[in-house]
């Protein structure tokens, strides 16, 4: 099969398409999926440069939409799905965990389905802090938080344009340009010194210490999670949020869809922080 790999750990220019061995299922929880579209994430860059451990099989990609290639206990060949991965989304074929897949509504395009982050863990009335909030994951997380009844939504972004977008288009409570102000000070002021109940960090390890100061005593940060946690997250999404996508009360914000052959340009676009919404790639 074809997959996007890299020859060097720290250059976007070295990402390229190569022929690799196709993955195979190893347990009854595995399901083989032919990828139609996949989303780019900052985590991909961090894995490439060594800030995060490389995924199993060294092929990046944690979000995708596609068609079930081989029937399993829970899915039959030809089912259209989207969901979370532990890696491998940059390949034409990927082995996914059956518990982490959601049936794709016919009303959603492949690009839209690959842009949906399955985030959660927020309870009604809680305060959430979302970093890189104008990204594809961030814009979806804001809408999810609103649908779940968040008490207050606080965001960070890297340009005034993005801050304005968050305030005027997505109606967040507070947004801070982290290049111009101390967002930690802003978060503590907005919460009367208490901090956020939940922090969604799509930026990286450089925010770790500040995140610990920004989160309340009983709060949490979302980093890597167990299969059991992600399974519960997917089930929550399927029950509470999937109907909102189907009736269009939740919007999928896509910055641009690239062809898989344009992986270098797409990655540079993301790493330069030029996107408002999700960057998606499509296998042709």
Protein backbone atom coordinates (compact mmCIF):
# COMPACT_ATOMS: atom_id res chain seq x y z
CA UNK A 1 0.00 0.00 0.00
CA UNK A 2 0.98 3.67 -0.16
CA UNK A 3 1.69 5.67 2.98
CA UNK A 4 3.19 9.01 3.88
CA UNK A 5 6.47 8.62 5.73
CA UNK A 6 9.52 10.80 6.39
CA UNK A 7 13.21 10.31 5.67
CA UNK A 8 14.34 12.76 8.37
CA UNK A 9 12.79 13.56 11.73
CA UNK A 10 12.58 17.34 11.62
CA UNK A 11 11.84 18.57 8.07
CA UNK A 12 8.39 18.85 6.54
CA UNK A 13 10.10 18.71 3.13
CA UNK A 14 11.08 15.10 3.76
CA UNK A 15 7.52 13.85 4.03
CA UNK A 16 6.75 11.73 0.98
CA UNK A 17 4.59 8.89 -0.31
CA UNK A 18 6.21 5.44 -0.40
CA UNK A 19 5.19 1.82 -0.82
CA UNK A 20 5.06 0.00 2.53
CA UNK A 21 3.67 -3.27 3.85
CA UNK A 22 -0.06 -3.18 4.52
CA UNK A 23 -1.07 -3.59 8.16
CA UNK A 24 -2.89 -6.69 9.37
CA UNK A 25 -5.35 -7.18 12.19
CA UNK A 26 -3.95 -8.82 15.31
CA UNK A 27 -7.00 -9.23 17.56
CA UNK A 28 -10.77 -9.49 17.42
CA UNK A 29 -10.98 -5.79 18.37
CA UNK A 30 -9.09 -4.78 15.23
CA UNK A 31 -10.73 -3.72 11.97
CA UNK A 32 -8.99 -2.93 8.69
CA UNK A 33 -10.12 0.35 7.11
CA UNK A 34 -9.30 1.85 3.70
CA UNK A 35 -8.64 5.52 4.43
CA UNK A 36 -10.49 8.09 2.31
CA UNK A 37 -9.41 11.23 4.20
CA UNK A 38 -7.31 12.07 7.25
CA UNK A 39 -6.75 15.14 9.37
CA UNK A 40 -3.47 16.86 10.21
CA UNK A 41 -2.69 17.52 13.86
CA UNK A 42 0.04 19.31 15.74
CA UNK A 43 0.71 15.97 17.41
CA UNK A 44 1.92 14.70 14.04
CA UNK A 45 4.64 17.34 13.94
CA UNK A 46 5.64 16.61 17.53
CA UNK A 47 5.97 12.92 16.73
CA UNK A 48 8.03 13.71 13.63
CA UNK A 49 10.52 15.87 15.53
CA UNK A 50 10.71 13.48 18.48
CA UNK A 51 8.76 15.47 21.08
CA UNK A 52 6.21 12.62 21.30
CA UNK A 53 6.87 8.89 20.90
CA UNK A 54 6.38 7.68 17.33
CA UNK A 55 3.16 5.71 16.76
CA UNK A 56 3.10 1.96 16.28
CA UNK A 57 4.50 1.18 12.84
CA UNK A 58 5.99 4.72 12.59
CA UNK A 59 3.13 5.96 10.36
CA UNK A 60 1.50 9.06 11.78
CA UNK A 61 -2.16 10.07 11.79
CA UNK A 62 -4.77 9.80 14.55
CA UNK A 63 -8.00 10.85 12.81
CA UNK A 64 -9.49 9.46 9.61
CA UNK A 65 -12.59 8.55 7.67
CA UNK A 66 -12.81 5.52 5.42
CA UNK A 67 -14.45 2.26 4.35
CA UNK A 68 -14.18 -1.02 6.23
CA UNK A 69 -11.99 -3.30 4.11
CA UNK A 70 -12.55 -6.58 5.98
CA UNK A 71 -15.58 -7.61 8.00
CA UNK A 72 -15.16 -7.94 11.77
CA UNK A 73 -17.37 -8.80 14.73
CA UNK A 74 -18.86 -5.29 14.80
CA UNK A 75 -18.43 -4.02 11.24
CA UNK A 76 -18.99 -5.44 7.78
CA UNK A 77 -17.01 -4.79 4.62
CA UNK A 78 -18.17 -1.58 2.95
CA UNK A 79 -19.30 0.20 6.12
CA UNK A 80 -18.43 3.89 6.06
CA UNK A 81 -16.78 5.01 9.30
CA UNK A 82 -14.67 7.66 11.00
CA UNK A 83 -12.83 7.70 14.28
CA UNK A 84 -9.71 7.76 16.40
CA UNK A 85 -6.44 5.92 15.83
CA UNK A 86 -3.28 5.21 17.77
CA UNK A 87 -1.38 5.99 14.57
CA UNK A 88 -1.37 4.92 10.94
CA UNK A 89 -3.86 7.40 9.49
CA UNK A 90 -1.33 8.60 6.90
CA UNK A 91 -1.62 5.24 5.13
CA UNK A 92 -4.08 4.00 2.51
CA UNK A 93 -4.97 1.18 4.91
CA UNK A 94 -5.05 1.33 8.70
CA UNK A 95 -5.94 -1.03 11.52
CA UNK A 96 -8.37 0.67 13.90
CA UNK A 97 -9.90 -0.45 17.16
CA UNK A 98 -13.55 -1.31 16.59
CA UNK A 99 -14.54 0.53 19.78
CA UNK A 100 -13.10 3.80 18.42
CA UNK A 101 -15.07 3.87 15.18
CA UNK A 102 -18.34 5.68 14.47
CA UNK A 103 -20.63 5.06 11.52
CA UNK A 104 -20.36 7.99 9.07
CA UNK A 105 -23.68 9.69 8.35
CA UNK A 106 -24.42 9.90 4.62
CA UNK A 107 -24.86 13.66 5.02
CA UNK A 108 -21.15 14.09 5.85
CA UNK A 109 -18.43 14.24 3.20
CA UNK A 110 -15.27 12.21 3.77
CA UNK A 111 -13.35 15.42 4.43
CA UNK A 112 -15.86 16.52 7.06
CA UNK A 113 -15.86 13.16 8.83
CA UNK A 114 -12.05 13.16 9.03
CA UNK A 115 -12.19 16.63 10.62
CA UNK A 116 -14.24 15.62 13.65
CA UNK A 117 -12.19 15.25 16.84
CA UNK A 118 -13.81 12.99 19.41
CA UNK A 119 -13.10 15.15 22.45
CA UNK A 120 -15.05 15.19 25.68
CA UNK A 121 -14.86 14.81 29.43
CA UNK A 122 -16.57 18.11 30.17
CA UNK A 123 -19.57 18.38 32.51
CA UNK A 124 -22.26 21.04 32.26
CA UNK A 125 -21.33 24.25 34.05
CA UNK A 126 -17.57 23.61 34.01
CA UNK A 127 -14.95 25.98 32.63
CA UNK A 128 -12.81 24.77 29.74
CA UNK A 129 -9.52 26.21 28.43
CA UNK A 130 -8.80 25.40 24.78
CA UNK A 131 -5.38 26.08 23.26
CA UNK A 132 -4.91 26.53 19.49
CA UNK A 133 -8.64 27.16 19.51
CA UNK A 134 -8.87 28.31 15.88
CA UNK A 135 -7.52 24.96 14.65
CA UNK A 136 -9.79 22.25 13.35
CA UNK A 137 -9.76 20.40 16.66
CA UNK A 138 -10.18 23.65 18.55
CA UNK A 139 -13.20 24.92 16.61
CA UNK A 140 -14.92 21.56 17.04
CA UNK A 141 -14.06 21.44 20.74
CA UNK A 142 -15.64 24.86 21.25
CA UNK A 143 -18.90 23.74 19.68
CA UNK A 144 -18.87 20.49 21.65
CA UNK A 145 -18.30 22.42 24.88
CA UNK A 146 -21.23 24.70 24.03
CA UNK A 147 -23.50 21.75 23.27
CA UNK A 148 -22.51 20.08 26.54
CA UNK A 149 -23.38 23.22 28.50
CA UNK A 150 -19.96 24.56 29.45
CA UNK A 151 -20.12 27.31 32.04
CA UNK A 152 -17.29 29.30 30.48
CA UNK A 153 -15.12 28.77 27.39
CA UNK A 154 -11.65 30.34 27.40
CA UNK A 155 -9.37 30.12 24.36
CA UNK A 156 -5.88 30.97 23.15
CA UNK A 157 -4.79 31.64 19.57
CA UNK A 158 -1.76 33.10 17.80
CA UNK A 159 -3.16 36.06 15.84
CA UNK A 160 -5.63 38.90 16.38
CA UNK A 161 -7.59 37.61 13.36
CA UNK A 162 -8.08 34.26 15.06
CA UNK A 163 -9.03 35.87 18.37
CA UNK A 164 -11.66 37.97 16.57
CA UNK A 165 -12.96 34.87 14.76
CA UNK A 166 -13.32 33.01 18.05
CA UNK A 167 -15.18 35.86 19.70
CA UNK A 168 -17.43 36.91 16.81
CA UNK A 169 -18.06 33.64 14.96
CA UNK A 170 -17.93 31.05 17.73
CA UNK A 171 -18.99 33.28 20.64
CA UNK A 172 -16.41 32.16 23.20
CA UNK A 173 -16.34 33.91 26.57
CA UNK A 174 -12.67 34.90 26.56
CA UNK A 175 -9.90 34.57 23.98
CA UNK A 176 -6.26 35.61 24.28
CA UNK A 177 -3.52 36.18 21.71
CA UNK A 178 -0.71 34.27 23.38
CA UNK A 179 1.87 36.23 21.36
CA UNK A 180 0.74 39.54 22.88
CA UNK A 181 -0.36 38.77 26.43
CA UNK A 182 0.07 36.40 29.34
CA UNK A 183 -2.80 33.99 28.75
CA UNK A 184 -2.30 32.33 32.15
CA UNK A 185 -2.92 35.66 33.86
CA UNK A 186 -6.02 36.11 31.71
CA UNK A 187 -7.36 32.65 32.58
CA UNK A 188 -6.91 33.15 36.30
CA UNK A 189 -8.53 36.58 36.14
CA UNK A 190 -11.48 35.24 34.14
CA UNK A 191 -12.03 32.46 36.70
CA UNK A 192 -11.42 34.58 39.82
CA UNK A 193 -8.20 32.71 40.50
CA UNK A 194 -9.79 29.24 40.38
CA UNK A 195 -8.57 28.09 36.99
CA UNK A 196 -10.24 25.89 34.37
CA UNK A 197 -11.84 22.53 35.08
CA UNK A 198 -10.54 21.05 31.86
CA UNK A 199 -7.62 21.99 29.56
CA UNK A 200 -7.45 20.88 25.94
CA UNK A 201 -3.87 21.35 24.76
CA UNK A 202 -3.11 20.84 21.07
CA UNK A 203 0.05 22.96 21.23
CA UNK A 204 2.64 20.81 22.94
CA UNK A 205 4.95 20.30 25.87
CA UNK A 206 5.96 23.96 26.17
CA UNK A 207 2.57 24.70 27.80
CA UNK A 208 2.74 21.88 30.32
CA UNK A 209 3.80 23.89 33.40
CA UNK A 210 1.44 26.77 32.61
CA UNK A 211 -1.41 24.31 32.08
CA UNK A 212 -0.87 22.90 35.55
CA UNK A 213 -1.18 26.42 36.95
CA UNK A 214 -4.24 27.19 34.80
CA UNK A 215 -6.22 24.11 35.82
CA UNK A 216 -8.31 24.05 39.00
CA UNK A 217 -7.52 21.73 41.89
CA UNK A 218 -10.11 19.21 40.70
CA UNK A 219 -9.45 19.78 36.98
CA UNK A 220 -7.59 17.73 34.40
CA UNK A 221 -5.59 18.02 31.21
CA UNK A 222 -6.12 15.80 28.17
CA UNK A 223 -2.94 14.20 26.87
CA UNK A 224 -2.54 10.55 25.92
CA UNK A 225 -5.39 8.38 27.20
CA UNK A 226 -6.11 4.67 27.54
CA UNK A 227 -8.21 2.66 25.12
CA UNK A 228 -10.90 2.41 27.79
CA UNK A 229 -11.02 6.19 28.19
CA UNK A 230 -11.18 6.77 24.45
CA UNK A 231 -13.86 4.08 24.07
CA UNK A 232 -16.05 5.91 26.60
CA UNK A 233 -15.33 9.17 24.79
CA UNK A 234 -16.47 7.73 21.48
CA UNK A 235 -19.64 6.34 23.04
CA UNK A 236 -20.41 9.73 24.57
CA UNK A 237 -19.84 11.34 21.19
CA UNK A 238 -22.03 8.81 19.39
CA UNK A 239 -24.92 9.34 21.83
CA UNK A 240 -24.79 13.07 22.53
CA UNK A 241 -23.06 14.76 19.61
CA UNK A 242 -23.47 12.72 16.43
CA UNK A 243 -27.15 13.77 16.12
CA UNK A 244 -25.98 17.41 16.21
CA UNK A 245 -23.75 16.77 13.21
CA UNK A 246 -26.55 15.09 11.34
CA UNK A 247 -29.00 17.94 11.87
CA UNK A 248 -26.25 20.51 11.13
CA UNK A 249 -26.55 22.27 14.51
CA UNK A 250 -22.83 21.50 14.88
CA UNK A 251 -20.60 22.77 12.07
CA UNK A 252 -17.40 21.23 10.75
CA UNK A 253 -14.89 24.01 10.12
CA UNK A 254 -12.45 23.02 7.35
CA UNK A 255 -9.59 25.34 6.41
CA UNK A 256 -8.64 23.43 3.27
CA UNK A 257 -8.66 19.92 1.83
CA UNK A 258 -5.39 18.90 0.13
CA UNK A 259 -4.55 15.90 -2.02
CA UNK A 260 -2.33 13.36 -0.30
CA UNK A 261 0.43 14.21 -2.79
CA UNK A 262 0.46 17.74 -1.34
CA UNK A 263 1.45 16.57 2.16
CA UNK A 264 4.45 18.94 2.34
CA UNK A 265 2.39 22.04 1.49
CA UNK A 266 -0.38 20.99 3.85
CA UNK A 267 2.04 20.38 6.72
CA UNK A 268 3.79 23.72 6.18
CA UNK A 269 0.39 25.45 6.18
CA UNK A 270 -0.42 23.91 9.57
CA UNK A 271 3.01 24.48 11.09
CA UNK A 272 2.93 28.14 10.04
CA UNK A 273 -0.35 28.50 11.92
CA UNK A 274 -2.18 29.96 8.93
CA UNK A 275 -5.26 27.78 9.24
CA UNK A 276 -8.61 28.63 10.79
CA UNK A 277 -10.28 25.24 10.95
CA UNK A 278 -9.07 21.77 10.03
CA UNK A 279 -6.54 20.84 7.36
CA UNK A 280 -7.51 17.56 5.71
CA UNK A 281 -5.83 15.34 3.15
CA UNK A 282 -7.62 13.04 0.73
CA UNK A 283 -6.32 9.83 -0.84
CA UNK A 284 -7.11 9.83 -4.56
